[in-house]
Protein backbone atom coordinates (compact mmCIF):
# COMPACT_ATOMS: atom_id res chain seq x y z
CA UNK A 1 -4.29 -11.73 -19.36
CA UNK A 2 -2.82 -10.87 -15.97
CA UNK A 3 -0.15 -13.49 -16.40
CA UNK A 4 1.06 -11.72 -19.53
CA UNK A 5 2.59 -9.05 -17.35
CA UNK A 6 4.64 -11.68 -15.62
CA UNK A 7 5.88 -13.20 -18.86
CA UNK A 8 7.18 -9.85 -20.09
CA UNK A 9 8.83 -9.08 -16.80
CA UNK A 10 12.17 -10.76 -17.38
CA UNK A 11 13.27 -8.78 -20.45
CA UNK A 12 12.24 -5.52 -18.81
CA UNK A 13 13.92 -5.97 -15.46
CA UNK A 14 17.06 -7.56 -16.85
CA UNK A 15 17.92 -4.66 -19.09
CA UNK A 16 20.99 -2.64 -18.06
CA UNK A 17 20.32 -0.94 -14.75
CA UNK A 18 18.55 2.29 -15.65
CA UNK A 19 18.16 3.77 -12.20
CA UNK A 20 20.65 5.94 -10.31
CA UNK A 21 22.94 4.10 -7.92
CA UNK A 22 21.12 5.83 -5.09
CA UNK A 23 17.53 6.31 -6.24
CA UNK A 24 16.16 9.77 -5.81
CA UNK A 25 12.69 11.15 -5.98
CA UNK A 26 10.93 11.63 -9.24
CA UNK A 27 11.43 14.92 -11.08
CA UNK A 28 8.31 16.61 -9.75
CA UNK A 29 8.65 15.44 -6.18
CA UNK A 30 7.80 17.89 -3.42
CA UNK A 31 9.88 15.96 -0.91
CA UNK A 32 11.29 18.20 1.78
CA UNK A 33 14.62 17.35 3.45
CA UNK A 34 13.04 17.70 6.88
CA UNK A 35 10.90 14.63 6.22
CA UNK A 36 13.34 11.75 6.41
CA UNK A 37 13.68 8.32 7.99
CA UNK A 38 16.57 6.56 9.60
CA UNK A 39 17.24 2.89 8.90
CA UNK A 40 14.90 1.83 11.68
CA UNK A 41 12.05 3.93 10.41
CA UNK A 42 12.48 6.76 12.95
CA UNK A 43 11.63 10.18 11.61
CA UNK A 44 14.27 12.94 11.82
CA UNK A 45 14.72 16.48 10.60
CA UNK A 46 18.32 17.26 9.62
CA UNK A 47 18.90 18.31 6.07
CA UNK A 48 21.67 15.75 5.56
CA UNK A 49 19.54 12.91 6.86
CA UNK A 50 18.35 10.20 4.58
CA UNK A 51 15.04 8.40 4.34
CA UNK A 52 14.27 4.77 3.74
CA UNK A 53 14.14 5.80 0.12
CA UNK A 54 17.19 8.06 -0.23
CA UNK A 55 20.62 6.78 0.77
CA UNK A 56 23.65 8.76 1.90
CA UNK A 57 26.30 9.15 -0.75
CA UNK A 58 28.98 6.62 0.26
CA UNK A 59 32.48 7.95 0.76
CA UNK A 60 34.07 4.57 0.13
CA UNK A 61 33.32 1.11 -1.22
CA UNK A 62 33.17 -0.15 2.37
CA UNK A 63 30.30 2.22 3.14
CA UNK A 64 28.60 1.23 -0.09
CA UNK A 65 28.68 -2.45 0.84
CA UNK A 66 27.45 -1.68 4.31
CA UNK A 67 24.51 0.32 2.99
CA UNK A 68 23.19 -2.76 1.19
CA UNK A 69 22.50 -4.40 4.55
CA UNK A 70 20.71 -1.49 6.20
CA UNK A 71 17.18 -2.31 7.28
CA UNK A 72 14.40 -0.12 5.93
CA UNK A 73 10.70 0.32 6.66
CA UNK A 74 9.95 -3.31 5.87
CA UNK A 75 9.47 -5.59 8.85
CA UNK A 76 8.98 -9.32 9.23
CA UNK A 77 5.24 -10.15 9.18
CA UNK A 78 5.90 -12.91 11.73
CA UNK A 79 7.67 -10.96 14.48
CA UNK A 80 7.68 -7.36 13.18
CA UNK A 81 11.46 -7.21 13.48
CA UNK A 82 12.97 -4.81 10.88
CA UNK A 83 14.25 -6.74 7.87
CA UNK A 84 17.89 -6.71 6.83
CA UNK A 85 18.24 -5.93 3.15
CA UNK A 86 20.96 -7.05 0.76
CA UNK A 87 20.91 -5.37 -2.59
CA UNK A 88 20.52 -1.87 -4.03
CA UNK A 89 18.78 0.64 -1.82
CA UNK A 90 15.55 2.35 -2.75
CA UNK A 91 11.84 1.75 -3.05
CA UNK A 92 11.46 1.23 -6.77
CA UNK A 93 10.77 -1.81 -8.93
CA UNK A 94 14.35 -2.42 -10.02
CA UNK A 95 15.90 -2.05 -6.58
CA UNK A 96 13.30 -4.28 -4.91
CA UNK A 97 13.61 -6.91 -7.65
CA UNK A 98 17.38 -7.13 -7.12
CA UNK A 99 17.24 -7.24 -3.32
CA UNK A 100 16.84 -9.97 -0.76
CA UNK A 101 15.37 -9.48 2.71
CA UNK A 102 15.87 -11.48 5.88
CA UNK A 103 14.68 -11.33 9.47
CA UNK A 104 17.58 -11.81 11.88
CA UNK A 105 15.23 -12.75 14.70
CA UNK A 106 13.24 -15.61 13.13
CA UNK A 107 15.68 -16.28 10.26
CA UNK A 108 12.93 -16.12 7.64
CA UNK A 109 13.92 -14.88 4.18
CA UNK A 110 11.81 -12.93 1.70
CA UNK A 111 12.53 -12.37 -1.96
CA UNK A 112 11.11 -10.61 -4.98
CA UNK A 113 11.05 -13.57 -7.33
CA UNK A 114 8.15 -12.02 -9.18
CA UNK A 115 7.64 -8.32 -9.92
CA UNK A 116 6.52 -7.80 -6.31
CA UNK A 117 8.11 -8.44 -2.92
CA UNK A 118 6.21 -11.19 -1.12
CA UNK A 119 5.97 -10.28 2.58
CA UNK A 120 3.16 -12.61 3.60
CA UNK A 121 3.60 -15.04 6.47
CA UNK A 122 3.23 -17.90 3.98
CA UNK A 123 5.92 -16.57 1.62
CA UNK A 124 8.22 -19.36 0.46
CA UNK A 125 6.16 -22.23 1.91
CA UNK A 126 5.89 -25.32 -0.30
CA UNK A 127 3.60 -27.67 1.57
CA UNK A 128 1.05 -25.28 3.00
CA UNK A 129 -1.73 -23.46 1.18
CA UNK A 130 -4.08 -21.07 2.91
CA UNK A 131 -7.47 -20.31 1.36
CA UNK A 132 -8.96 -16.98 2.32
CA UNK A 133 -12.68 -16.05 2.44
CA UNK A 134 -14.56 -15.93 -0.85
CA UNK A 135 -14.39 -12.14 -1.02
CA UNK A 136 -10.60 -12.23 -0.83
CA UNK A 137 -10.18 -15.16 -3.21
CA UNK A 138 -12.38 -13.48 -5.83
CA UNK A 139 -9.84 -10.70 -6.32
CA UNK A 140 -7.01 -13.20 -6.72
CA UNK A 141 -8.62 -14.33 -9.97
CA UNK A 142 -6.70 -13.36 -13.15
CA UNK A 143 -10.00 -12.48 -14.85
CA UNK A 144 -11.18 -10.14 -12.09
CA UNK A 145 -7.73 -8.53 -11.94
CA UNK A 146 -7.84 -7.90 -15.68
CA UNK A 147 -11.39 -6.51 -15.61
CA UNK A 148 -10.99 -4.32 -12.53
CA UNK A 149 -10.08 -1.15 -14.44
CA UNK A 150 -11.80 -2.29 -17.59
CA UNK A 151 -15.40 -1.97 -16.46
CA UNK A 152 -15.55 -3.36 -12.90
CA UNK A 153 -14.45 -0.19 -11.07
CA UNK A 154 -16.49 2.05 -13.37
CA UNK A 155 -19.71 0.47 -12.07
CA UNK A 156 -19.03 1.91 -8.62
CA UNK A 157 -20.47 5.25 -9.74
CA UNK A 158 -23.93 3.67 -9.51
CA UNK A 159 -23.46 3.56 -5.74
CA UNK A 160 -22.30 7.16 -5.46
CA UNK A 161 -18.55 6.82 -6.02
CA UNK A 162 -17.53 10.11 -7.69
CA UNK A 163 -14.90 8.51 -9.95
CA UNK A 164 -11.14 7.92 -9.56
CA UNK A 165 -10.04 11.46 -10.42
CA UNK A 166 -12.37 13.08 -7.91
CA UNK A 167 -11.61 10.43 -5.25
CA UNK A 168 -7.89 11.05 -5.72
CA UNK A 169 -8.41 14.81 -5.36
CA UNK A 170 -10.43 14.28 -2.17
CA UNK A 171 -7.80 11.96 -0.71
CA UNK A 172 -5.01 14.41 -1.51
CA UNK A 173 -6.89 17.02 0.49
CA UNK A 174 -6.93 14.75 3.54
CA UNK A 175 -3.22 13.90 3.07
CA UNK A 176 -2.11 17.54 2.89
CA UNK A 177 -0.39 17.45 6.29
CA UNK A 178 1.76 14.42 5.39
CA UNK A 179 3.04 15.51 1.98
CA UNK A 180 6.62 14.39 1.44
CA UNK A 181 6.20 11.28 3.55
CA UNK A 182 5.85 7.56 2.82
CA UNK A 183 2.42 6.43 1.61
CA UNK A 184 1.17 2.83 1.64
CA UNK A 185 -1.81 2.02 -0.59
CA UNK A 186 -3.24 -1.08 1.10
CA UNK A 187 -5.51 -3.41 -0.87
CA UNK A 188 -4.37 -1.43 -3.90
CA UNK A 189 -5.94 -3.81 -6.43
CA UNK A 190 -4.55 -3.07 -9.87
CA UNK A 191 -2.85 0.04 -8.54
CA UNK A 192 -5.37 2.58 -9.82
CA UNK A 193 -4.63 5.01 -6.98
CA UNK A 194 -1.07 3.84 -6.27
CA UNK A 195 -0.09 5.07 -9.72
CA UNK A 196 -1.85 8.38 -9.20
CA UNK A 197 -0.13 8.93 -5.85
CA UNK A 198 3.28 8.03 -7.29
CA UNK A 199 2.86 10.18 -10.37
CA UNK A 200 1.80 13.20 -8.31
CA UNK A 201 5.32 13.51 -6.87
CA UNK A 202 3.74 14.40 -3.53
CA UNK A 203 5.31 11.58 -1.53
CA UNK A 204 8.85 10.36 -0.92
CA UNK A 205 7.71 6.87 -1.93
CA UNK A 206 4.53 4.92 -2.57
CA UNK A 207 4.09 1.23 -1.74
CA UNK A 208 1.30 -0.54 -3.63
CA UNK A 209 0.24 -3.42 -1.37
CA UNK A 210 -2.25 -6.19 -2.02
CA UNK A 211 -2.80 -9.84 -1.11
CA UNK A 212 -3.67 -10.78 -4.69
CA UNK A 213 -0.71 -11.85 -6.81
CA UNK A 214 -2.67 -11.23 -10.00
CA UNK A 215 -3.70 -7.73 -8.98
CA UNK A 216 -0.03 -6.86 -8.43
CA UNK A 217 0.91 -8.34 -11.81
CA UNK A 218 -1.84 -6.29 -13.43
CA UNK A 219 -0.54 -3.22 -11.60
CA UNK A 220 2.91 -3.84 -13.05
CA UNK A 221 1.39 -4.26 -16.49
CA UNK A 222 0.01 -0.71 -16.24
CA UNK A 223 3.22 0.69 -14.72
CA UNK A 224 5.55 -0.62 -17.43
CA UNK A 225 3.63 1.37 -20.05
CA UNK A 226 4.73 4.62 -18.38
CA UNK A 227 8.44 5.40 -18.23
CA UNK A 228 7.90 8.01 -15.53
CA UNK A 229 6.32 5.43 -13.25
CA UNK A 230 9.02 2.83 -13.97
CA UNK A 231 11.59 5.35 -12.74
CA UNK A 232 9.57 6.54 -9.75
CA UNK A 233 9.74 5.44 -6.13
CA UNK A 234 6.85 3.01 -6.48
CA UNK A 235 7.22 -0.50 -5.07
CA UNK A 236 4.88 -3.50 -5.26
CA UNK A 237 4.44 -5.62 -2.14
CA UNK A 238 2.27 -8.64 -1.45
CA UNK A 239 1.02 -8.65 2.13
CA UNK A 240 -1.96 -9.33 4.36
CA UNK A 241 -3.68 -6.18 5.63
CA UNK A 242 -4.14 -7.95 8.98
CA UNK A 243 -0.37 -8.49 9.25
CA UNK A 244 1.28 -5.47 7.67
CA UNK A 245 5.05 -5.91 7.12
CA UNK A 246 6.19 -2.52 8.41
CA UNK A 247 7.85 -1.31 11.57
CA UNK A 248 5.56 0.41 14.05
CA UNK A 249 5.32 4.15 13.51
CA UNK A 250 7.15 4.05 10.16
CA UNK A 251 4.48 5.19 7.69
CA UNK A 252 3.07 8.69 7.13
CA UNK A 253 -0.05 7.90 5.14
CA UNK A 254 -2.25 4.87 4.47
CA UNK A 255 -4.87 4.76 1.73
CA UNK A 256 -7.47 2.02 1.29
CA UNK A 257 -9.69 2.57 -1.73
CA UNK A 258 -12.94 0.56 -1.89
CA UNK A 259 -11.33 -2.02 0.38
CA UNK A 260 -12.65 -2.11 3.93
CA UNK A 261 -15.73 -4.16 3.02
CA UNK A 262 -13.49 -6.88 1.52
CA UNK A 263 -11.34 -7.36 4.62
CA UNK A 264 -12.03 -10.57 6.59
CA UNK A 265 -11.56 -8.61 9.82
CA UNK A 266 -11.84 -4.82 9.55
CA UNK A 267 -10.96 -4.49 13.24
CA UNK A 268 -7.63 -6.31 12.82
CA UNK A 269 -6.87 -4.35 9.66
CA UNK A 270 -7.54 -0.92 11.14
CA UNK A 271 -5.58 -1.85 14.27
CA UNK A 272 -2.63 -2.79 12.05
CA UNK A 273 -2.93 0.45 10.10
CA UNK A 274 -2.90 2.35 13.37
CA UNK A 275 0.22 0.49 14.48
CA UNK A 276 2.29 1.33 11.41
CA UNK A 277 1.26 4.99 11.25
CA UNK A 278 3.59 7.48 12.86
CA UNK A 279 2.22 10.11 15.24
CA UNK A 280 0.30 12.56 13.07
CA UNK A 281 -0.07 10.01 10.28
CA UNK A 282 -3.28 9.92 8.25
CA UNK A 283 -5.53 7.02 7.25
CA UNK A 284 -7.96 7.60 4.37
CA UNK A 285 -10.39 4.97 3.15
CA UNK A 286 -13.42 4.56 0.91
CA UNK A 287 -16.02 1.83 1.00
CA UNK A 288 -19.66 0.97 0.39
CA UNK A 289 -22.06 1.66 3.25
CA UNK A 290 -24.53 -1.01 4.33
CA UNK A 291 -27.12 1.73 4.53
CA UNK A 292 -27.23 5.43 5.39
CA UNK A 293 -29.39 7.56 7.67
CA UNK A 294 -31.67 8.25 4.69
CA UNK A 295 -32.27 4.55 3.94
CA UNK A 296 -35.87 3.60 4.87
CA UNK A 297 -36.05 1.37 7.94
CA UNK A 298 -38.02 -1.25 6.06
CA UNK A 299 -35.23 -1.60 3.47
CA UNK A 300 -32.32 -1.94 5.90
CA UNK A 301 -32.81 -5.63 6.87
CA UNK A 302 -33.03 -6.56 3.19
CA UNK A 303 -29.77 -4.78 2.35
CA UNK A 304 -28.11 -6.46 5.29
CA UNK A 305 -29.09 -9.92 4.01
CA UNK A 306 -28.11 -9.17 0.41
CA UNK A 307 -24.70 -7.80 1.41
CA UNK A 308 -23.87 -10.39 4.06
CA UNK A 309 -20.90 -11.83 2.12
CA UNK A 310 -18.98 -8.59 2.69
CA UNK A 311 -18.31 -6.42 5.72
CA UNK A 312 -20.43 -3.45 4.70
CA UNK A 313 -20.59 -1.10 7.68
CA UNK A 314 -22.62 1.97 8.58
CA UNK A 315 -21.25 5.49 9.02
CA UNK A 316 -21.46 5.10 12.79
CA UNK A 317 -19.70 1.72 12.79
CA UNK A 318 -16.78 3.03 10.72
CA UNK A 319 -16.27 5.98 13.05
CA UNK A 320 -16.54 3.73 16.11
CA UNK A 321 -14.03 1.30 14.57
CA UNK A 322 -11.45 4.03 13.93
CA UNK A 323 -11.95 5.51 17.39
CA UNK A 324 -11.67 2.13 19.12
CA UNK A 325 -8.33 1.57 17.36
CA UNK A 326 -6.97 4.83 18.79
CA UNK A 327 -7.42 7.14 15.80
CA UNK A 328 -8.68 10.69 16.23
CA UNK A 329 -9.91 13.66 14.17
CA UNK A 330 -12.34 11.46 12.28
CA UNK A 331 -14.19 13.03 9.38
CA UNK A 332 -16.16 11.69 6.43
CA UNK A 333 -17.99 12.56 3.23
CA UNK A 334 -21.01 10.52 2.13
CA UNK A 335 -22.76 10.30 -1.22
CA UNK A 336 -25.43 7.62 -1.60
CA UNK A 337 -23.67 4.37 -0.52
CA UNK A 338 -20.20 5.87 -0.96
CA UNK A 339 -18.17 7.09 2.00
CA UNK A 340 -14.67 8.54 2.18
CA UNK A 341 -13.39 8.80 5.72
CA UNK A 342 -10.22 10.05 7.31
CA UNK A 343 -8.67 9.63 10.75
CA UNK A 344 -5.35 10.55 12.34
CA UNK A 345 -2.98 8.84 14.73
CA UNK A 346 -2.40 11.04 17.80
């Protein structure tokens, strides 16, 4: 069923261009002019400044052509050099689909041949296939992608997850200080929270990022049913959480919902998240705990053996991981095996 989204893509994205020449924020956006980004991802505060999402109004056709080559927050996953973009500006589905990206340093090109922009190291390779751990490969399955919001995610409440609406409300509370900035939803799955963040109008743009092609196709399948989301600054990107394709210090907020336990290397992933966050940026994540302080000692070894295929951590390990990667102001909320944690880049 996930592939159905891909088959309906062409008619949708090849309709007459429905977006403004210079995409702006959605109607309910709370974006403040002081929160902007230059072409290299540096934050600035003048009211006439533009962000990686909003472009300056060109005064001539020469400026308009030049603007199509301005690099944005995206960086090469090989060398982290900012990518040069050719195509319409903006972080929305139509603009990304019509754009091409290239790294001037390593000469590698990236395109959005599908409904997402592929910024993995292996993008475009023909003779090389990389198989990830079983936990990662499971979520690349079309069946799992289709079922994720159709029963799979709902079962999380048995482990103490409060439900998507409450989780979103909790995350928004942690992200209060970075409203108006750029949010990246890593390991977004079918985009359950990416869509909520985009629809809230709280952020200048939302990037839904996942390694699974089928999860991103399923995310698009949900997005295309909502005209408001189709016209919002929501982009789909395929990338590896251990090699995030963004310039250092270019992102205001990172969300990772029910994801950390699926990462092959949580240390590498959190280190990467720390790298791309700007000073003051916030990282919020949820995951399953291996056990909590209330778990009987006799039960803990059994849970550890049963859950050994995933990186289920303890409360103490998650805090230590964030701290060791340079994040501060750690806080968390725990309910049964559910934990939501937040940390900030100094």
